[in-house]
Amino acid sequence: MNNAVNEFERAKGRMASDFRTMITDGEDLLKAVANVSGESLGAARSKFEERLDRARSALADASKPMLTRTRETAAVTDRYVHGNPWAAIGVAVAFGALVGFLTAKR
């Protein structure tokens, strides 16, 4: 799990960097539109699209380890509940009672 969290943190840093670059490129695009020069507008637009694609890719890469871990956890939970249904029911009842108790105090 720590490995997945570390990968997520690294990807988050890369994503933040990509978003900062995308904002800068967006500002360049706005400046190019203000001058309405076809050549500079096209270059700024293609650069912006490239950065946007990189940011999307970084987001997808960052979410892969967490999604994989979530699927694994769900599969383990499903196997446990099917193997021990009464224990799962007992935990659900206890959790429901706790939530009911805490909300009744408010």
PDB file of N, CA and C in Angstrom:
ATOM      1  N   MET A   1       0.828  -1.193   0.000  1.00  0.00           N
ATOM      2  CA  MET A   1       0.000   0.000   0.000  1.00  0.00           C
ATOM      3  C   MET A   1       0.872   1.257   0.000  1.00  0.00           C
ATOM      4  N   ASN A   2       1.990   1.221   0.766  1.00  0.00           N
ATOM      5  CA  ASN A   2       2.882   2.382   0.789  1.00  0.00           C
ATOM      6  C   ASN A   2       3.436   2.671  -0.588  1.00  0.00           C
ATOM      7  N   ASN A   3       3.706   1.618  -1.360  1.00  0.00           N
ATOM      8  CA  ASN A   3       4.220   1.813  -2.704  1.00  0.00           C
ATOM      9  C   ASN A   3       3.196   2.551  -3.564  1.00  0.00           C
ATOM     10  N   ALA A   4       1.938   2.156  -3.452  1.00  0.00           N
ATOM     11  CA  ALA A   4       0.883   2.821  -4.216  1.00  0.00           C
ATOM     12  C   ALA A   4       0.742   4.277  -3.784  1.00  0.00           C
ATOM     13  N   VAL A   5       0.838   4.525  -2.491  1.00  0.00           N
ATOM     14  CA  VAL A   5       0.734   5.901  -1.989  1.00  0.00           C
ATOM     15  C   VAL A   5       1.921   6.732  -2.480  1.00  0.00           C
ATOM     16  N   ASN A   6       3.116   6.155  -2.455  1.00  0.00           N
ATOM     17  CA  ASN A   6       4.291   6.875  -2.944  1.00  0.00           C
ATOM     18  C   ASN A   6       4.170   7.189  -4.432  1.00  0.00           C
ATOM     19  N   GLU A   7       3.692   6.221  -5.212  1.00  0.00           N
ATOM     20  CA  GLU A   7       3.493   6.459  -6.635  1.00  0.00           C
ATOM     21  C   GLU A   7       2.462   7.555  -6.860  1.00  0.00           C
ATOM     22  N   PHE A   8       1.405   7.537  -6.058  1.00  0.00           N
ATOM     23  CA  PHE A   8       0.370   8.557  -6.175  1.00  0.00           C
ATOM     24  C   PHE A   8       0.941   9.939  -5.848  1.00  0.00           C
ATOM     25  N   GLU A   9       1.765  10.030  -4.809  1.00  0.00           N
ATOM     26  CA  GLU A   9       2.358  11.322  -4.433  1.00  0.00           C
ATOM     27  C   GLU A   9       3.273  11.845  -5.537  1.00  0.00           C
ATOM     28  N   ARG A  10       4.082  10.961  -6.127  1.00  0.00           N
ATOM     29  CA  ARG A  10       4.966  11.388  -7.224  1.00  0.00           C
ATOM     30  C   ARG A  10       4.142  11.859  -8.416  1.00  0.00           C
ATOM     31  N   ALA A  11       3.110  11.099  -8.752  1.00  0.00           N
ATOM     32  CA  ALA A  11       2.255  11.483  -9.871  1.00  0.00           C
ATOM     33  C   ALA A  11       1.526  12.785  -9.575  1.00  0.00           C
ATOM     34  N   LYS A  12       1.139  12.980  -8.318  1.00  0.00           N
ATOM     35  CA  LYS A  12       0.464  14.213  -7.934  1.00  0.00           C
ATOM     36  C   LYS A  12       1.389  15.414  -8.144  1.00  0.00           C
ATOM     37  N   GLY A  13       2.668  15.246  -7.805  1.00  0.00           N
ATOM     38  CA  GLY A  13       3.641  16.322  -8.023  1.00  0.00           C
ATOM     39  C   GLY A  13       3.816  16.629  -9.495  1.00  0.00           C
ATOM     40  N   ARG A  14       3.892  15.572 -10.308  1.00  0.00           N
ATOM     41  CA  ARG A  14       4.017  15.780 -11.756  1.00  0.00           C
ATOM     42  C   ARG A  14       2.770  16.452 -12.305  1.00  0.00           C
ATOM     43  N   MET A  15       1.605  16.043 -11.803  1.00  0.00           N
ATOM     44  CA  MET A  15       0.364  16.648 -12.252  1.00  0.00           C
ATOM     45  C   MET A  15       0.299  18.123 -11.887  1.00  0.00           C
ATOM     46  N   ALA A  16       0.712  18.452 -10.681  1.00  0.00           N
ATOM     47  CA  ALA A  16       0.692  19.856 -10.262  1.00  0.00           C
ATOM     48  C   ALA A  16       1.591  20.681 -11.167  1.00  0.00           C
ATOM     49  N   SER A  17       2.748  20.127 -11.487  1.00  0.00           N
ATOM     50  CA  SER A  17       3.670  20.812 -12.395  1.00  0.00           C
ATOM     51  C   SER A  17       3.039  20.979 -13.774  1.00  0.00           C
ATOM     52  N   ASP A  18       2.391  19.919 -14.258  1.00  0.00           N
ATOM     53  CA  ASP A  18       1.740  19.990 -15.567  1.00  0.00           C
ATOM     54  C   ASP A  18       0.615  21.015 -15.566  1.00  0.00           C
ATOM     55  N   PHE A  19      -0.145  21.095 -14.470  1.00  0.00           N
ATOM     56  CA  PHE A  19      -1.221  22.078 -14.408  1.00  0.00           C
ATOM     57  C   PHE A  19      -0.678  23.507 -14.364  1.00  0.00           C
ATOM     58  N   ARG A  20       0.430  23.714 -13.655  1.00  0.00           N
ATOM     59  CA  ARG A  20       1.036  25.048 -13.645  1.00  0.00           C
ATOM     60  C   ARG A  20       1.489  25.424 -15.059  1.00  0.00           C
ATOM     61  N   THR A  21       2.097  24.476 -15.747  1.00  0.00           N
ATOM     62  CA  THR A  21       2.535  24.722 -17.116  1.00  0.00           C
ATOM     63  C   THR A  21       1.342  24.973 -18.019  1.00  0.00           C
ATOM     64  N   MET A  22       0.256  24.224 -17.799  1.00  0.00           N
ATOM     65  CA  MET A  22      -0.943  24.401 -18.600  1.00  0.00           C
ATOM     66  C   MET A  22      -1.538  25.787 -18.389  1.00  0.00           C
ATOM     67  N   ILE A  23      -1.499  26.271 -17.170  1.00  0.00           N
ATOM     68  CA  ILE A  23      -2.009  27.622 -16.890  1.00  0.00           C
ATOM     69  C   ILE A  23      -1.157  28.662 -17.613  1.00  0.00           C
ATOM     70  N   THR A  24       0.155  28.471 -17.549  1.00  0.00           N
ATOM     71  CA  THR A  24       1.051  29.387 -18.248  1.00  0.00           C
ATOM     72  C   THR A  24       0.788  29.352 -19.747  1.00  0.00           C
ATOM     73  N   ASP A  25       0.615  28.151 -20.291  1.00  0.00           N
ATOM     74  CA  ASP A  25       0.316  28.020 -21.717  1.00  0.00           C
ATOM     75  C   ASP A  25      -1.036  28.632 -22.057  1.00  0.00           C
ATOM     76  N   GLY A  26      -1.986  28.515 -21.143  1.00  0.00           N
ATOM     77  CA  GLY A  26      -3.292  29.144 -21.353  1.00  0.00           C
ATOM     78  C   GLY A  26      -3.176  30.662 -21.419  1.00  0.00           C
ATOM     79  N   GLU A  27      -2.320  31.199 -20.554  1.00  0.00           N
ATOM     80  CA  GLU A  27      -2.090  32.648 -20.603  1.00  0.00           C
ATOM     81  C   GLU A  27      -1.444  33.040 -21.924  1.00  0.00           C
ATOM     82  N   ASP A  28      -0.502  32.218 -22.401  1.00  0.00           N
ATOM     83  CA  ASP A  28       0.121  32.481 -23.701  1.00  0.00           C
ATOM     84  C   ASP A  28      -0.918  32.435 -24.820  1.00  0.00           C
ATOM     85  N   LEU A  29      -1.832  31.473 -24.714  1.00  0.00           N
ATOM     86  CA  LEU A  29      -2.887  31.352 -25.712  1.00  0.00           C
ATOM     87  C   LEU A  29      -3.776  32.596 -25.709  1.00  0.00           C
ATOM     88  N   LEU A  30      -4.112  33.086 -24.517  1.00  0.00           N
ATOM     89  CA  LEU A  30      -4.933  34.297 -24.433  1.00  0.00           C
ATOM     90  C   LEU A  30      -4.209  35.510 -25.017  1.00  0.00           C
ATOM     91  N   LYS A  31      -2.906  35.592 -24.754  1.00  0.00           N
ATOM     92  CA  LYS A  31      -2.130  36.688 -25.332  1.00  0.00           C
ATOM     93  C   LYS A  31      -2.094  36.586 -26.857  1.00  0.00           C
ATOM     94  N   ALA A  32      -1.965  35.358 -27.362  1.00  0.00           N
ATOM     95  CA  ALA A  32      -1.932  35.165 -28.808  1.00  0.00           C
ATOM     96  C   ALA A  32      -3.272  35.529 -29.437  1.00  0.00           C
ATOM     97  N   VAL A  33      -4.362  35.219 -28.756  1.00  0.00           N
ATOM     98  CA  VAL A  33      -5.684  35.550 -29.272  1.00  0.00           C
ATOM     99  C   VAL A  33      -5.871  37.064 -29.289  1.00  0.00           C
ATOM    100  N   ALA A  34      -5.291  37.748 -28.310  1.00  0.00           N
ATOM    101  CA  ALA A  34      -5.419  39.205 -28.259  1.00  0.00           C
ATOM    102  C   ALA A  34      -4.778  39.840 -29.490  1.00  0.00           C
ATOM    103  N   ASN A  35      -3.691  39.285 -29.955  1.00  0.00           N
ATOM    104  CA  ASN A  35      -3.008  39.814 -31.139  1.00  0.00           C
ATOM    105  C   ASN A  35      -3.589  39.253 -32.439  1.00  0.00           C
ATOM    106  N   VAL A  36      -4.345  38.190 -32.374  1.00  0.00           N
ATOM    107  CA  VAL A  36      -5.011  37.536 -33.490  1.00  0.00           C
ATOM    108  C   VAL A  36      -4.068  37.328 -34.669  1.00  0.00           C
ATOM    109  N   SER A  37      -2.931  36.796 -34.385  1.00  0.00           N
ATOM    110  CA  SER A  37      -2.008  36.389 -35.431  1.00  0.00           C
ATOM    111  C   SER A  37      -2.194  34.891 -35.616  1.00  0.00           C
ATOM    112  N   GLY A  38      -2.536  34.488 -36.799  1.00  0.00           N
ATOM    113  CA  GLY A  38      -2.835  33.090 -37.077  1.00  0.00           C
ATOM    114  C   GLY A  38      -1.688  32.162 -36.730  1.00  0.00           C
ATOM    115  N   GLU A  39      -0.478  32.570 -37.008  1.00  0.00           N
ATOM    116  CA  GLU A  39       0.681  31.711 -36.772  1.00  0.00           C
ATOM    117  C   GLU A  39       0.944  31.530 -35.281  1.00  0.00           C
ATOM    118  N   SER A  40       0.949  32.612 -34.510  1.00  0.00           N
ATOM    119  CA  SER A  40       1.214  32.504 -33.076  1.00  0.00           C
ATOM    120  C   SER A  40       0.047  31.826 -32.360  1.00  0.00           C
ATOM    121  N   LEU A  41      -1.169  32.033 -32.839  1.00  0.00           N
ATOM    122  CA  LEU A  41      -2.334  31.387 -32.253  1.00  0.00           C
ATOM    123  C   LEU A  41      -2.260  29.880 -32.453  1.00  0.00           C
ATOM    124  N   GLY A  42      -1.907  29.449 -33.624  1.00  0.00           N
ATOM    125  CA  GLY A  42      -1.792  28.023 -33.908  1.00  0.00           C
ATOM    126  C   GLY A  42      -0.714  27.361 -33.068  1.00  0.00           C
ATOM    127  N   ALA A  43       0.420  28.041 -32.920  1.00  0.00           N
ATOM    128  CA  ALA A  43       1.512  27.478 -32.121  1.00  0.00           C
ATOM    129  C   ALA A  43       1.120  27.396 -30.649  1.00  0.00           C
ATOM    130  N   ALA A  44       0.504  28.439 -30.135  1.00  0.00           N
ATOM    131  CA  ALA A  44       0.094  28.435 -28.730  1.00  0.00           C
ATOM    132  C   ALA A  44      -0.994  27.392 -28.493  1.00  0.00           C
ATOM    133  N   ARG A  45      -1.896  27.259 -29.435  1.00  0.00           N
ATOM    134  CA  ARG A  45      -2.973  26.282 -29.286  1.00  0.00           C
ATOM    135  C   ARG A  45      -2.431  24.861 -29.276  1.00  0.00           C
ATOM    136  N   SER A  46      -1.528  24.551 -30.185  1.00  0.00           N
ATOM    137  CA  SER A  46      -0.974  23.192 -30.225  1.00  0.00           C
ATOM    138  C   SER A  46      -0.156  22.896 -28.972  1.00  0.00           C
ATOM    139  N   LYS A  47       0.566  23.895 -28.472  1.00  0.00           N
ATOM    140  CA  LYS A  47       1.334  23.715 -27.235  1.00  0.00           C
ATOM    141  C   LYS A  47       0.395  23.481 -26.054  1.00  0.00           C
ATOM    142  N   PHE A  48      -0.693  24.234 -26.013  1.00  0.00           N
ATOM    143  CA  PHE A  48      -1.684  24.081 -24.945  1.00  0.00           C
ATOM    144  C   PHE A  48      -2.338  22.703 -24.996  1.00  0.00           C
ATOM    145  N   GLU A  49      -2.696  22.244 -26.180  1.00  0.00           N
ATOM    146  CA  GLU A  49      -3.307  20.923 -26.331  1.00  0.00           C
ATOM    147  C   GLU A  49      -2.351  19.820 -25.900  1.00  0.00           C
ATOM    148  N   GLU A  50      -1.078  19.990 -26.226  1.00  0.00           N
ATOM    149  CA  GLU A  50      -0.062  19.012 -25.824  1.00  0.00           C
ATOM    150  C   GLU A  50       0.043  18.933 -24.303  1.00  0.00           C
ATOM    151  N   ARG A  51       0.077  20.083 -23.652  1.00  0.00           N
ATOM    152  CA  ARG A  51       0.152  20.113 -22.189  1.00  0.00           C
ATOM    153  C   ARG A  51      -1.112  19.535 -21.560  1.00  0.00           C
ATOM    154  N   LEU A  52      -2.250  19.805 -22.142  1.00  0.00           N
ATOM    155  CA  LEU A  52      -3.505  19.267 -21.635  1.00  0.00           C
ATOM    156  C   LEU A  52      -3.507  17.742 -21.739  1.00  0.00           C
ATOM    157  N   ASP A  53      -3.034  17.220 -22.854  1.00  0.00           N
ATOM    158  CA  ASP A  53      -2.947  15.763 -23.014  1.00  0.00           C
ATOM    159  C   ASP A  53      -1.995  15.159 -21.991  1.00  0.00           C
ATOM    160  N   ARG A  54      -0.875  15.824 -21.721  1.00  0.00           N
ATOM    161  CA  ARG A  54       0.065  15.332 -20.715  1.00  0.00           C
ATOM    162  C   ARG A  54      -0.560  15.343 -19.325  1.00  0.00           C
ATOM    163  N   ALA A  55      -1.340  16.377 -19.019  1.00  0.00           N
ATOM    164  CA  ALA A  55      -1.996  16.451 -17.718  1.00  0.00           C
ATOM    165  C   ALA A  55      -3.039  15.337 -17.582  1.00  0.00           C
ATOM    166  N   ARG A  56      -3.786  15.070 -18.644  1.00  0.00           N
ATOM    167  CA  ARG A  56      -4.758  13.968 -18.614  1.00  0.00           C
ATOM    168  C   ARG A  56      -4.048  12.633 -18.406  1.00  0.00           C
ATOM    169  N   SER A  57      -2.950  12.464 -19.089  1.00  0.00           N
ATOM    170  CA  SER A  57      -2.185  11.228 -18.957  1.00  0.00           C
ATOM    171  C   SER A  57      -1.644  11.071 -17.539  1.00  0.00           C
ATOM    172  N   ALA A  58      -1.152  12.147 -16.961  1.00  0.00           N
ATOM    173  CA  ALA A  58      -0.627  12.104 -15.591  1.00  0.00           C
ATOM    174  C   ALA A  58      -1.738  11.761 -14.605  1.00  0.00           C
ATOM    175  N   LEU A  59      -2.917  12.300 -14.828  1.00  0.00           N
ATOM    176  CA  LEU A  59      -4.050  11.989 -13.961  1.00  0.00           C
ATOM    177  C   LEU A  59      -4.424  10.516 -14.062  1.00  0.00           C
ATOM    178  N   ALA A  60      -4.431   9.993 -15.270  1.00  0.00           N
ATOM    179  CA  ALA A  60      -4.745   8.573 -15.461  1.00  0.00           C
ATOM    180  C   ALA A  60      -3.680   7.703 -14.806  1.00  0.00           C
ATOM    181  N   ASP A  61      -2.400   8.068 -14.969  1.00  0.00           N
ATOM    182  CA  ASP A  61      -1.314   7.305 -14.354  1.00  0.00           C
ATOM    183  C   ASP A  61      -1.384   7.351 -12.834  1.00  0.00           C
ATOM    184  N   ALA A  62      -1.775   8.496 -12.295  1.00  0.00           N
ATOM    185  CA  ALA A  62      -1.846   8.641 -10.838  1.00  0.00           C
ATOM    186  C   ALA A  62      -2.980   7.816 -10.250  1.00  0.00           C
ATOM    187  N   SER A  63      -4.046   7.680 -10.986  1.00  0.00           N
ATOM    188  CA  SER A  63      -5.198   6.967 -10.443  1.00  0.00           C
ATOM    189  C   SER A  63      -5.100   5.453 -10.593  1.00  0.00           C
ATOM    190  N   LYS A  64      -4.246   4.952 -11.472  1.00  0.00           N
ATOM    191  CA  LYS A  64      -4.148   3.511 -11.705  1.00  0.00           C
ATOM    192  C   LYS A  64      -3.789   2.719 -10.450  1.00  0.00           C
ATOM    193  N   PRO A  65      -2.736   3.088  -9.693  1.00  0.00           N
ATOM    194  CA  PRO A  65      -2.406   2.279  -8.504  1.00  0.00           C
ATOM    195  C   PRO A  65      -3.517   2.285  -7.459  1.00  0.00           C
ATOM    196  N   MET A  66      -4.160   3.411  -7.273  1.00  0.00           N
ATOM    197  CA  MET A  66      -5.221   3.486  -6.285  1.00  0.00           C
ATOM    198  C   MET A  66      -6.442   2.689  -6.735  1.00  0.00           C
ATOM    199  N   LEU A  67      -6.770   2.732  -8.021  1.00  0.00           N
ATOM    200  CA  LEU A  67      -7.897   1.950  -8.519  1.00  0.00           C
ATOM    201  C   LEU A  67      -7.615   0.453  -8.409  1.00  0.00           C
ATOM    202  N   THR A  68      -6.385   0.067  -8.700  1.00  0.00           N
ATOM    203  CA  THR A  68      -6.010  -1.335  -8.587  1.00  0.00           C
ATOM    204  C   THR A  68      -6.138  -1.796  -7.143  1.00  0.00           C
ATOM    205  N   ARG A  69      -5.632  -1.003  -6.220  1.00  0.00           N
ATOM    206  CA  ARG A  69      -5.704  -1.357  -4.801  1.00  0.00           C
ATOM    207  C   ARG A  69      -7.157  -1.406  -4.325  1.00  0.00           C
ATOM    208  N   THR A  70      -7.978  -0.490  -4.800  1.00  0.00           N
ATOM    209  CA  THR A  70      -9.389  -0.473  -4.422  1.00  0.00           C
ATOM    210  C   THR A  70     -10.099  -1.724  -4.922  1.00  0.00           C
ATOM    211  N   ARG A  71      -9.800  -2.126  -6.152  1.00  0.00           N
ATOM    212  CA  ARG A  71     -10.407  -3.349  -6.698  1.00  0.00           C
ATOM    213  C   ARG A  71      -9.977  -4.575  -5.905  1.00  0.00           C
ATOM    214  N   GLU A  72      -8.692  -4.634  -5.541  1.00  0.00           N
ATOM    215  CA  GLU A  72      -8.197  -5.760  -4.750  1.00  0.00           C
ATOM    216  C   GLU A  72      -8.890  -5.807  -3.387  1.00  0.00           C
ATOM    217  N   THR A  73      -9.030  -4.658  -2.752  1.00  0.00           N
ATOM    218  CA  THR A  73      -9.688  -4.589  -1.452  1.00  0.00           C
ATOM    219  C   THR A  73     -11.147  -5.008  -1.563  1.00  0.00           C
ATOM    220  N   ALA A  74     -11.820  -4.565  -2.613  1.00  0.00           N
ATOM    221  CA  ALA A  74     -13.222  -4.945  -2.812  1.00  0.00           C
ATOM    222  C   ALA A  74     -13.356  -6.450  -3.031  1.00  0.00           C
ATOM    223  N   ALA A  75     -12.435  -7.033  -3.772  1.00  0.00           N
ATOM    224  CA  ALA A  75     -12.486  -8.482  -4.010  1.00  0.00           C
ATOM    225  C   ALA A  75     -12.264  -9.262  -2.717  1.00  0.00           C
ATOM    226  N   VAL A  76     -11.297  -8.810  -1.897  1.00  0.00           N
ATOM    227  CA  VAL A  76     -11.043  -9.476  -0.616  1.00  0.00           C
ATOM    228  C   VAL A  76     -12.254  -9.341   0.296  1.00  0.00           C
ATOM    229  N   THR A  77     -12.847  -8.175   0.341  1.00  0.00           N
ATOM    230  CA  THR A  77     -14.029  -7.948   1.167  1.00  0.00           C
ATOM    231  C   THR A  77     -15.187  -8.830   0.701  1.00  0.00           C
ATOM    232  N   ASP A  78     -15.369  -8.917  -0.608  1.00  0.00           N
ATOM    233  CA  ASP A  78     -16.437  -9.749  -1.153  1.00  0.00           C
ATOM    234  C   ASP A  78     -16.248 -11.210  -0.765  1.00  0.00           C
ATOM    235  N   ARG A  79     -15.018 -11.714  -0.870  1.00  0.00           N
ATOM    236  CA  ARG A  79     -14.746 -13.106  -0.487  1.00  0.00           C
ATOM    237  C   ARG A  79     -15.006 -13.315   1.008  1.00  0.00           C
ATOM    238  N   TYR A  80     -14.599 -12.350   1.826  1.00  0.00           N
ATOM    239  CA  TYR A  80     -14.807 -12.475   3.272  1.00  0.00           C
ATOM    240  C   TYR A  80     -16.298 -12.501   3.619  1.00  0.00           C
ATOM    241  N   VAL A  81     -17.058 -11.598   3.019  1.00  0.00           N
ATOM    242  CA  VAL A  81     -18.487 -11.521   3.319  1.00  0.00           C
ATOM    243  C   VAL A  81     -19.194 -12.794   2.864  1.00  0.00           C
ATOM    244  N   HIS A  82     -18.816 -13.332   1.717  1.00  0.00           N
ATOM    245  CA  HIS A  82     -19.435 -14.578   1.262  1.00  0.00           C
ATOM    246  C   HIS A  82     -19.026 -15.760   2.141  1.00  0.00           C
ATOM    247  N   GLY A  83     -17.831 -15.705   2.687  1.00  0.00           N
ATOM    248  CA  GLY A  83     -17.368 -16.778   3.563  1.00  0.00           C
ATOM    249  C   GLY A  83     -17.877 -16.665   4.985  1.00  0.00           C
ATOM    250  N   ASN A  84     -18.137 -15.466   5.445  1.00  0.00           N
ATOM    251  CA  ASN A  84     -18.570 -15.220   6.830  1.00  0.00           C
ATOM    252  C   ASN A  84     -19.759 -14.261   6.862  1.00  0.00           C
ATOM    253  N   PRO A  85     -20.902 -14.681   6.368  1.00  0.00           N
ATOM    254  CA  PRO A  85     -22.017 -13.733   6.277  1.00  0.00           C
ATOM    255  C   PRO A  85     -22.520 -13.239   7.629  1.00  0.00           C
ATOM    256  N   TRP A  86     -22.527 -14.105   8.638  1.00  0.00           N
ATOM    257  CA  TRP A  86     -23.045 -13.665   9.942  1.00  0.00           C
ATOM    258  C   TRP A  86     -22.117 -12.668  10.614  1.00  0.00           C
ATOM    259  N   ALA A  87     -20.824 -12.842  10.430  1.00  0.00           N
ATOM    260  CA  ALA A  87     -19.873 -11.862  10.986  1.00  0.00           C
ATOM    261  C   ALA A  87     -20.054 -10.511  10.303  1.00  0.00           C
ATOM    262  N   ALA A  88     -20.266 -10.535   8.986  1.00  0.00           N
ATOM    263  CA  ALA A  88     -20.484  -9.286   8.252  1.00  0.00           C
ATOM    264  C   ALA A  88     -21.770  -8.609   8.705  1.00  0.00           C
ATOM    265  N   ILE A  89     -22.810  -9.393   8.928  1.00  0.00           N
ATOM    266  CA  ILE A  89     -24.074  -8.822   9.414  1.00  0.00           C
ATOM    267  C   ILE A  89     -23.877  -8.214  10.798  1.00  0.00           C
ATOM    268  N   GLY A  90     -23.131  -8.901  11.659  1.00  0.00           N
ATOM    269  CA  GLY A  90     -22.863  -8.375  12.998  1.00  0.00           C
ATOM    270  C   GLY A  90     -22.104  -7.065  12.958  1.00  0.00           C
ATOM    271  N   VAL A  91     -21.099  -6.970  12.085  1.00  0.00           N
ATOM    272  CA  VAL A  91     -20.333  -5.724  11.948  1.00  0.00           C
ATOM    273  C   VAL A  91     -21.229  -4.610  11.431  1.00  0.00           C
ATOM    274  N   ALA A  92     -22.089  -4.927  10.459  1.00  0.00           N
ATOM    275  CA  ALA A  92     -22.997  -3.915   9.913  1.00  0.00           C
ATOM    276  C   ALA A  92     -23.977  -3.417  10.966  1.00  0.00           C
ATOM    277  N   VAL A  93     -24.493  -4.338  11.774  1.00  0.00           N
ATOM    278  CA  VAL A  93     -25.426  -3.944  12.845  1.00  0.00           C
ATOM    279  C   VAL A  93     -24.710  -3.071  13.876  1.00  0.00           C
ATOM    280  N   ALA A  94     -23.507  -3.463  14.265  1.00  0.00           N
ATOM    281  CA  ALA A  94     -22.743  -2.669  15.236  1.00  0.00           C
ATOM    282  C   ALA A  94     -22.442  -1.278  14.693  1.00  0.00           C
ATOM    283  N   PHE A  95     -22.059  -1.206  13.430  1.00  0.00           N
ATOM    284  CA  PHE A  95     -21.771   0.087  12.820  1.00  0.00           C
ATOM    285  C   PHE A  95     -23.034   0.944  12.754  1.00  0.00           C
ATOM    286  N   GLY A  96     -24.140   0.325  12.370  1.00  0.00           N
ATOM    287  CA  GLY A  96     -25.410   1.053  12.326  1.00  0.00           C
ATOM    288  C   GLY A  96     -25.818   1.564  13.695  1.00  0.00           C
ATOM    289  N   ALA A  97     -25.613   0.745  14.734  1.00  0.00           N
ATOM    290  CA  ALA A  97     -25.942   1.169  16.094  1.00  0.00           C
ATOM    291  C   ALA A  97     -25.053   2.334  16.527  1.00  0.00           C
ATOM    292  N   LEU A  98     -23.780   2.260  16.183  1.00  0.00           N
ATOM    293  CA  LEU A  98     -22.854   3.351  16.523  1.00  0.00           C
ATOM    294  C   LEU A  98     -23.257   4.648  15.840  1.00  0.00           C
ATOM    295  N   VAL A  99     -23.565   4.579  14.560  1.00  0.00           N
ATOM    296  CA  VAL A  99     -23.982   5.772  13.831  1.00  0.00           C
ATOM    297  C   VAL A  99     -25.289   6.313  14.408  1.00  0.00           C
ATOM    298  N   GLY A 100     -26.208   5.425  14.720  1.00  0.00           N
ATOM    299  CA  GLY A 100     -27.473   5.850  15.317  1.00  0.00           C
ATOM    300  C   GLY A 100     -27.265   6.513  16.667  1.00  0.00           C
ATOM    301  N   PHE A 101     -26.392   5.953  17.466  1.00  0.00           N
ATOM    302  CA  PHE A 101     -26.089   6.529  18.777  1.00  0.00           C
ATOM    303  C   PHE A 101     -25.465   7.912  18.638  1.00  0.00           C
ATOM    304  N   LEU A 102     -24.501   8.040  17.710  1.00  0.00           N
ATOM    305  CA  LEU A 102     -23.825   9.326  17.538  1.00  0.00           C
ATOM    306  C   LEU A 102     -24.768  10.399  16.967  1.00  0.00           C
ATOM    307  N   THR A 103     -25.639  10.025  16.070  1.00  0.00           N
ATOM    308  CA  THR A 103     -26.561  11.026  15.509  1.00  0.00           C
ATOM    309  C   THR A 103     -27.660  11.386  16.505  1.00  0.00           C
ATOM    310  N   ALA A 104     -28.019  10.464  17.387  1.00  0.00           N
ATOM    311  CA  ALA A 104     -29.046  10.755  18.380  1.00  0.00           C
ATOM    312  C   ALA A 104     -28.523  11.735  19.424  1.00  0.00           C
ATOM    313  N   LYS A 105     -27.217  11.742  19.666  1.00  0.00           N
ATOM    314  CA  LYS A 105     -26.635  12.672  20.656  1.00  0.00           C
ATOM    315  C   LYS A 105     -26.660  14.108  20.152  1.00  0.00           C
ATOM    316  N   ARG A 106     -26.707  14.304  18.885  1.00  0.00           N
ATOM    317  CA  ARG A 106     -26.686  15.674  18.340  1.00  0.00           C
ATOM    318  C   ARG A 106     -28.044  16.207  18.449  1.00  0.00           C
TER     319      ARG A 106
END
